[in-house]
Amino acid sequence: MPYVDRQNRICGFLDVEEDENSGRFLRRYFILDTQQGCLLWYTDNPQVQRKWGSLKLTYISKVSDATKLRPKAEFCFVINVGMRKFYLQANDQQDLVEWINVLNKATKITVSTLHVHSHAGTDQWWPQPIEN
């Protein structure tokens, strides 16, 4: 199950497909670091092991359920990065949903919507962010 560590990163174990379309999944420890803008994975403990792989969050275009694309890989989801697809396998349905949600939230591009307000009684205009 993904958890938040002391540095406010989302962490947990997932299985990642060794090579695209190989069908062979390897257990790795993942860290979603939104402040650094990357998804990192290690063979085991990041304090002991060197980094095994990483993705910049800005390169991720979509994260979605892939159980129908990989029927033999239970609780599978896919991270789309350009023409490359990274298939990962969660521990259970809850983990699958949580990882998809946190990754999509982390990779979501937000564009500030601005209203233009007039300064009362003058010709001065300025942008004002919309309050959510």
N, C-alpha and C. Protein backbone atom coordinates (compact mmCIF):
# COMPACT_ATOMS: atom_id res chain seq x y z
N MET A 1 0.85 -1.18 0.00
CA MET A 1 0.00 0.00 0.00
C MET A 1 0.89 1.24 0.00
N PRO A 2 0.61 2.21 -0.88
CA PRO A 2 1.41 3.42 -0.88
C PRO A 2 1.23 4.19 0.43
N TYR A 3 2.31 4.80 0.89
CA TYR A 3 2.27 5.60 2.12
C TYR A 3 3.07 6.87 1.91
N VAL A 4 2.89 7.84 2.79
CA VAL A 4 3.62 9.11 2.72
C VAL A 4 4.78 9.03 3.71
N ASP A 5 6.00 9.28 3.23
CA ASP A 5 7.17 9.24 4.11
C ASP A 5 7.40 10.59 4.79
N ARG A 6 8.47 10.69 5.55
CA ARG A 6 8.77 11.92 6.31
C ARG A 6 9.05 13.12 5.42
N GLN A 7 9.44 12.86 4.19
CA GLN A 7 9.72 13.95 3.24
C GLN A 7 8.52 14.27 2.36
N ASN A 8 7.35 13.75 2.77
CA ASN A 8 6.08 13.99 2.08
C ASN A 8 6.06 13.42 0.65
N ARG A 9 6.72 12.27 0.47
CA ARG A 9 6.73 11.58 -0.82
C ARG A 9 5.84 10.35 -0.70
N ILE A 10 5.22 9.95 -1.81
CA ILE A 10 4.41 8.73 -1.84
C ILE A 10 5.36 7.57 -2.15
N CYS A 11 5.31 6.54 -1.32
CA CYS A 11 6.25 5.42 -1.44
C CYS A 11 5.52 4.09 -1.36
N GLY A 12 6.14 3.06 -1.92
CA GLY A 12 5.60 1.72 -1.80
C GLY A 12 6.15 0.79 -2.86
N PHE A 13 5.86 -0.50 -2.68
CA PHE A 13 6.34 -1.51 -3.62
C PHE A 13 5.34 -1.73 -4.74
N LEU A 14 5.87 -1.87 -5.94
CA LEU A 14 5.11 -2.23 -7.13
C LEU A 14 5.97 -3.19 -7.94
N ASP A 15 5.33 -3.94 -8.82
CA ASP A 15 6.07 -4.76 -9.77
C ASP A 15 6.09 -4.03 -11.10
N VAL A 16 7.26 -3.90 -11.70
CA VAL A 16 7.39 -3.20 -12.97
C VAL A 16 7.82 -4.21 -14.03
N GLU A 17 7.24 -4.08 -15.23
CA GLU A 17 7.59 -4.99 -16.31
C GLU A 17 9.05 -4.74 -16.70
N GLU A 18 9.84 -5.81 -16.72
CA GLU A 18 11.29 -5.71 -16.96
C GLU A 18 11.59 -5.01 -18.28
N ASP A 19 11.03 -5.49 -19.35
CA ASP A 19 11.15 -4.87 -20.67
C ASP A 19 9.74 -4.79 -21.24
N GLU A 20 9.47 -3.74 -21.99
CA GLU A 20 8.13 -3.57 -22.56
C GLU A 20 7.72 -4.82 -23.34
N ASN A 21 6.54 -5.32 -23.05
CA ASN A 21 5.96 -6.51 -23.68
C ASN A 21 6.66 -7.83 -23.32
N SER A 22 7.51 -7.82 -22.29
CA SER A 22 8.18 -9.07 -21.90
C SER A 22 7.27 -9.96 -21.06
N GLY A 23 6.33 -9.33 -20.32
CA GLY A 23 5.46 -10.09 -19.43
C GLY A 23 6.14 -10.50 -18.13
N ARG A 24 7.40 -10.17 -17.97
CA ARG A 24 8.14 -10.49 -16.74
C ARG A 24 8.20 -9.25 -15.85
N PHE A 25 7.63 -9.37 -14.66
CA PHE A 25 7.56 -8.26 -13.73
C PHE A 25 8.55 -8.45 -12.59
N LEU A 26 9.20 -7.35 -12.19
CA LEU A 26 10.17 -7.36 -11.10
C LEU A 26 9.71 -6.45 -9.97
N ARG A 27 9.88 -6.89 -8.73
CA ARG A 27 9.47 -6.13 -7.55
C ARG A 27 10.45 -4.98 -7.33
N ARG A 28 9.90 -3.75 -7.22
CA ARG A 28 10.73 -2.57 -6.99
C ARG A 28 10.07 -1.66 -5.97
N TYR A 29 10.89 -0.84 -5.32
CA TYR A 29 10.41 0.14 -4.35
C TYR A 29 10.31 1.49 -5.07
N PHE A 30 9.11 2.07 -5.10
CA PHE A 30 8.85 3.31 -5.82
C PHE A 30 8.70 4.50 -4.88
N ILE A 31 9.21 5.64 -5.34
CA ILE A 31 9.05 6.91 -4.63
C ILE A 31 8.53 7.94 -5.62
N LEU A 32 7.37 8.49 -5.33
CA LEU A 32 6.81 9.58 -6.12
C LEU A 32 7.17 10.88 -5.41
N ASP A 33 8.12 11.61 -5.98
CA ASP A 33 8.62 12.84 -5.37
C ASP A 33 8.12 14.03 -6.19
N THR A 34 7.01 14.61 -5.76
CA THR A 34 6.42 15.71 -6.53
C THR A 34 7.25 16.99 -6.43
N GLN A 35 7.99 17.16 -5.34
CA GLN A 35 8.81 18.37 -5.21
C GLN A 35 9.99 18.34 -6.18
N GLN A 36 10.54 17.15 -6.42
CA GLN A 36 11.63 17.00 -7.39
C GLN A 36 11.09 16.73 -8.79
N GLY A 37 9.77 16.45 -8.88
CA GLY A 37 9.14 16.21 -10.18
C GLY A 37 9.52 14.90 -10.83
N CYS A 38 9.63 13.84 -10.01
CA CYS A 38 10.03 12.56 -10.61
C CYS A 38 9.44 11.36 -9.86
N LEU A 39 9.38 10.26 -10.59
CA LEU A 39 9.03 8.96 -10.04
C LEU A 39 10.30 8.12 -10.09
N LEU A 40 10.75 7.65 -8.93
CA LEU A 40 11.99 6.89 -8.83
C LEU A 40 11.69 5.48 -8.41
N TRP A 41 12.52 4.52 -8.82
CA TRP A 41 12.36 3.17 -8.29
C TRP A 41 13.73 2.55 -8.03
N TYR A 42 13.73 1.72 -7.00
CA TYR A 42 14.94 1.08 -6.48
C TYR A 42 14.69 -0.41 -6.38
N THR A 43 15.78 -1.19 -6.35
CA THR A 43 15.62 -2.63 -6.20
C THR A 43 15.02 -2.97 -4.84
N ASP A 44 15.35 -2.17 -3.83
CA ASP A 44 14.81 -2.42 -2.49
C ASP A 44 14.80 -1.13 -1.70
N ASN A 45 15.62 -1.02 -0.70
CA ASN A 45 15.67 0.13 0.18
C ASN A 45 16.48 1.26 -0.47
N PRO A 46 15.91 2.46 -0.66
CA PRO A 46 16.65 3.54 -1.31
C PRO A 46 17.85 4.04 -0.51
N GLN A 47 17.89 3.79 0.81
CA GLN A 47 19.05 4.21 1.60
C GLN A 47 20.25 3.30 1.33
N VAL A 48 19.98 2.06 0.91
CA VAL A 48 21.04 1.07 0.72
C VAL A 48 21.37 0.89 -0.77
N GLN A 49 20.35 0.88 -1.60
CA GLN A 49 20.50 0.56 -3.01
C GLN A 49 20.62 1.82 -3.87
N ARG A 50 21.21 1.65 -5.03
CA ARG A 50 21.23 2.75 -5.99
C ARG A 50 19.90 2.77 -6.76
N LYS A 51 19.63 3.91 -7.36
CA LYS A 51 18.39 4.07 -8.13
C LYS A 51 18.40 3.10 -9.30
N TRP A 52 17.26 2.44 -9.53
CA TRP A 52 17.14 1.48 -10.63
C TRP A 52 16.55 2.15 -11.86
N GLY A 53 15.64 3.11 -11.65
CA GLY A 53 15.01 3.80 -12.77
C GLY A 53 14.32 5.07 -12.31
N SER A 54 13.99 5.92 -13.26
CA SER A 54 13.28 7.16 -12.92
C SER A 54 12.55 7.70 -14.14
N LEU A 55 11.52 8.47 -13.86
CA LEU A 55 10.76 9.17 -14.89
C LEU A 55 10.50 10.58 -14.41
N LYS A 56 10.67 11.56 -15.29
CA LYS A 56 10.27 12.92 -14.95
C LYS A 56 8.75 12.99 -15.09
N LEU A 57 8.10 13.58 -14.12
CA LEU A 57 6.63 13.65 -14.14
C LEU A 57 6.11 14.42 -15.34
N THR A 58 6.86 15.39 -15.81
CA THR A 58 6.42 16.18 -16.97
C THR A 58 6.37 15.35 -18.25
N TYR A 59 7.06 14.20 -18.29
CA TYR A 59 7.06 13.34 -19.47
C TYR A 59 5.86 12.39 -19.50
N ILE A 60 5.19 12.23 -18.35
CA ILE A 60 4.07 11.29 -18.26
C ILE A 60 2.82 11.95 -18.83
N SER A 61 2.23 11.31 -19.84
CA SER A 61 1.03 11.87 -20.47
C SER A 61 -0.25 11.29 -19.89
N LYS A 62 -0.19 10.04 -19.40
CA LYS A 62 -1.41 9.41 -18.90
C LYS A 62 -1.04 8.20 -18.04
N VAL A 63 -1.86 7.97 -17.01
CA VAL A 63 -1.74 6.78 -16.17
C VAL A 63 -3.14 6.16 -16.11
N SER A 64 -3.24 4.87 -16.45
CA SER A 64 -4.57 4.26 -16.48
C SER A 64 -4.52 2.77 -16.16
N ASP A 65 -5.68 2.24 -15.83
CA ASP A 65 -5.84 0.82 -15.54
C ASP A 65 -5.51 0.02 -16.80
N ALA A 66 -4.74 -1.05 -16.64
CA ALA A 66 -4.34 -1.86 -17.80
C ALA A 66 -4.67 -3.33 -17.60
N THR A 67 -5.61 -3.63 -16.72
CA THR A 67 -5.94 -5.03 -16.46
C THR A 67 -6.47 -5.74 -17.70
N LYS A 68 -7.14 -5.01 -18.59
CA LYS A 68 -7.63 -5.62 -19.83
C LYS A 68 -6.52 -5.77 -20.86
N LEU A 69 -5.51 -4.90 -20.80
CA LEU A 69 -4.38 -4.99 -21.72
C LEU A 69 -3.41 -6.09 -21.32
N ARG A 70 -3.33 -6.36 -20.03
CA ARG A 70 -2.44 -7.40 -19.48
C ARG A 70 -3.27 -8.33 -18.58
N PRO A 71 -4.13 -9.16 -19.18
CA PRO A 71 -5.04 -9.99 -18.37
C PRO A 71 -4.33 -10.97 -17.43
N LYS A 72 -3.11 -11.37 -17.75
CA LYS A 72 -2.37 -12.29 -16.88
C LYS A 72 -1.71 -11.57 -15.71
N ALA A 73 -1.61 -10.26 -15.78
CA ALA A 73 -1.00 -9.46 -14.71
C ALA A 73 -2.12 -8.79 -13.91
N GLU A 74 -2.45 -9.37 -12.80
CA GLU A 74 -3.53 -8.86 -11.96
C GLU A 74 -3.16 -7.48 -11.39
N PHE A 75 -4.14 -6.58 -11.30
CA PHE A 75 -3.98 -5.23 -10.73
C PHE A 75 -2.91 -4.43 -11.48
N CYS A 76 -2.96 -4.50 -12.78
CA CYS A 76 -1.94 -3.86 -13.63
C CYS A 76 -2.41 -2.48 -14.09
N PHE A 77 -1.46 -1.54 -14.14
CA PHE A 77 -1.75 -0.22 -14.72
C PHE A 77 -0.58 0.19 -15.60
N VAL A 78 -0.80 1.20 -16.43
CA VAL A 78 0.20 1.62 -17.40
C VAL A 78 0.48 3.11 -17.25
N ILE A 79 1.76 3.45 -17.37
CA ILE A 79 2.21 4.84 -17.40
C ILE A 79 2.67 5.10 -18.82
N ASN A 80 2.03 6.05 -19.49
CA ASN A 80 2.39 6.41 -20.87
C ASN A 80 3.39 7.56 -20.85
N VAL A 81 4.53 7.32 -21.49
CA VAL A 81 5.59 8.32 -21.61
C VAL A 81 5.99 8.38 -23.07
N GLY A 82 5.42 9.34 -23.79
CA GLY A 82 5.68 9.41 -25.23
C GLY A 82 5.19 8.13 -25.91
N MET A 83 6.07 7.49 -26.64
CA MET A 83 5.73 6.24 -27.34
C MET A 83 5.96 5.02 -26.45
N ARG A 84 6.55 5.21 -25.29
CA ARG A 84 6.87 4.10 -24.38
C ARG A 84 5.76 3.91 -23.36
N LYS A 85 5.53 2.67 -22.99
CA LYS A 85 4.54 2.34 -21.96
C LYS A 85 5.25 1.55 -20.87
N PHE A 86 5.05 1.99 -19.62
CA PHE A 86 5.58 1.29 -18.46
C PHE A 86 4.41 0.59 -17.78
N TYR A 87 4.46 -0.74 -17.73
CA TYR A 87 3.41 -1.51 -17.07
C TYR A 87 3.84 -1.84 -15.66
N LEU A 88 2.95 -1.54 -14.71
CA LEU A 88 3.22 -1.82 -13.30
C LEU A 88 2.09 -2.63 -12.71
N GLN A 89 2.39 -3.36 -11.69
CA GLN A 89 1.41 -4.22 -11.04
C GLN A 89 1.35 -3.88 -9.56
N ALA A 90 0.16 -3.55 -9.09
CA ALA A 90 -0.06 -3.23 -7.68
C ALA A 90 -0.34 -4.52 -6.89
N ASN A 91 -0.38 -4.40 -5.57
CA ASN A 91 -0.61 -5.56 -4.71
C ASN A 91 -2.07 -6.01 -4.73
N ASP A 92 -2.99 -5.03 -4.83
CA ASP A 92 -4.41 -5.36 -4.79
C ASP A 92 -5.19 -4.22 -5.47
N GLN A 93 -6.50 -4.35 -5.53
CA GLN A 93 -7.34 -3.37 -6.21
C GLN A 93 -7.23 -1.98 -5.57
N GLN A 94 -7.18 -1.93 -4.24
CA GLN A 94 -7.08 -0.64 -3.55
C GLN A 94 -5.76 0.06 -3.90
N ASP A 95 -4.66 -0.68 -3.90
CA ASP A 95 -3.37 -0.11 -4.28
C ASP A 95 -3.40 0.37 -5.73
N LEU A 96 -4.01 -0.40 -6.60
CA LEU A 96 -4.12 -0.04 -8.01
C LEU A 96 -4.80 1.33 -8.15
N VAL A 97 -5.93 1.49 -7.52
CA VAL A 97 -6.68 2.75 -7.60
C VAL A 97 -5.88 3.90 -6.99
N GLU A 98 -5.26 3.66 -5.82
CA GLU A 98 -4.50 4.71 -5.16
C GLU A 98 -3.31 5.17 -5.99
N TRP A 99 -2.54 4.22 -6.54
CA TRP A 99 -1.38 4.60 -7.35
C TRP A 99 -1.81 5.36 -8.61
N ILE A 100 -2.85 4.90 -9.27
CA ILE A 100 -3.33 5.61 -10.47
C ILE A 100 -3.74 7.04 -10.10
N ASN A 101 -4.47 7.18 -9.00
CA ASN A 101 -4.93 8.52 -8.57
C ASN A 101 -3.77 9.45 -8.22
N VAL A 102 -2.81 8.98 -7.41
CA VAL A 102 -1.71 9.86 -7.00
C VAL A 102 -0.81 10.21 -8.18
N LEU A 103 -0.60 9.27 -9.09
CA LEU A 103 0.23 9.56 -10.25
C LEU A 103 -0.47 10.54 -11.20
N ASN A 104 -1.76 10.35 -11.43
CA ASN A 104 -2.49 11.29 -12.28
C ASN A 104 -2.54 12.67 -11.65
N LYS A 105 -2.73 12.72 -10.35
CA LYS A 105 -2.76 14.02 -9.67
C LYS A 105 -1.39 14.71 -9.77
N ALA A 106 -0.32 13.95 -9.62
CA ALA A 106 1.03 14.51 -9.66
C ALA A 106 1.42 14.98 -11.06
N THR A 107 0.87 14.35 -12.08
CA THR A 107 1.24 14.70 -13.45
C THR A 107 0.27 15.65 -14.12
N LYS A 108 -0.77 16.00 -13.41
CA LYS A 108 -1.80 16.89 -13.96
C LYS A 108 -1.22 18.28 -14.19
N ILE A 109 -1.42 18.78 -15.39
CA ILE A 109 -0.98 20.13 -15.71
C ILE A 109 -2.12 21.07 -15.36
N THR A 110 -1.84 22.02 -14.51
CA THR A 110 -2.88 22.97 -14.12
C THR A 110 -2.54 24.34 -14.70
N VAL A 111 -3.50 24.91 -15.35
CA VAL A 111 -3.36 26.24 -15.92
C VAL A 111 -4.25 27.17 -15.11
N SER A 112 -3.64 28.20 -14.59
CA SER A 112 -4.40 29.15 -13.78
C SER A 112 -5.41 29.88 -14.67
N THR A 113 -6.67 29.86 -14.26
CA THR A 113 -7.71 30.59 -14.96
C THR A 113 -7.79 31.97 -14.32
N LEU A 114 -7.75 33.00 -15.13
CA LEU A 114 -7.73 34.35 -14.59
C LEU A 114 -8.99 35.11 -14.99
N HIS A 115 -9.49 35.88 -14.06
CA HIS A 115 -10.55 36.86 -14.33
C HIS A 115 -9.87 38.21 -14.42
N VAL A 116 -10.43 39.09 -15.20
CA VAL A 116 -9.90 40.45 -15.27
C VAL A 116 -10.89 41.36 -14.56
N HIS A 117 -10.41 42.05 -13.55
CA HIS A 117 -11.24 42.95 -12.77
C HIS A 117 -10.81 44.39 -12.99
N SER A 118 -11.76 45.29 -12.99
CA SER A 118 -11.47 46.71 -13.12
C SER A 118 -11.26 47.30 -11.74
N HIS A 119 -10.23 48.14 -11.64
CA HIS A 119 -10.03 48.88 -10.40
C HIS A 119 -11.12 49.95 -10.38
N ALA A 120 -11.92 49.99 -9.36
CA ALA A 120 -13.11 50.86 -9.29
C ALA A 120 -12.78 52.31 -9.66
N GLY A 121 -13.51 52.80 -10.67
CA GLY A 121 -13.42 54.21 -11.04
C GLY A 121 -12.21 54.58 -11.87
N THR A 122 -11.39 53.60 -12.29
CA THR A 122 -10.22 53.93 -13.10
C THR A 122 -10.21 53.04 -14.34
N ASP A 123 -9.25 53.29 -15.19
CA ASP A 123 -9.08 52.46 -16.38
C ASP A 123 -8.02 51.37 -16.16
N GLN A 124 -7.63 51.12 -14.89
CA GLN A 124 -6.62 50.10 -14.60
C GLN A 124 -7.28 48.73 -14.48
N TRP A 125 -6.69 47.76 -15.14
CA TRP A 125 -7.20 46.39 -15.12
C TRP A 125 -6.07 45.47 -14.64
N TRP A 126 -6.41 44.41 -13.96
CA TRP A 126 -5.40 43.44 -13.53
C TRP A 126 -6.00 42.05 -13.44
N PRO A 127 -5.17 41.03 -13.66
CA PRO A 127 -5.66 39.65 -13.55
C PRO A 127 -5.86 39.26 -12.10
N GLN A 128 -6.84 38.46 -11.85
CA GLN A 128 -7.16 37.97 -10.50
C GLN A 128 -7.43 36.48 -10.60
N PRO A 129 -6.70 35.65 -9.83
CA PRO A 129 -6.97 34.20 -9.86
C PRO A 129 -8.37 33.89 -9.34
N ILE A 130 -8.97 32.86 -9.89
CA ILE A 130 -10.27 32.41 -9.43
C ILE A 130 -10.08 31.65 -8.11
N GLU A 131 -10.89 31.95 -7.14
CA GLU A 131 -10.86 31.25 -5.86
C GLU A 131 -11.62 29.96 -6.01
N ASN A 132 -11.02 28.84 -5.58
CA ASN A 132 -11.71 27.53 -5.62
C ASN A 132 -12.36 27.24 -4.31
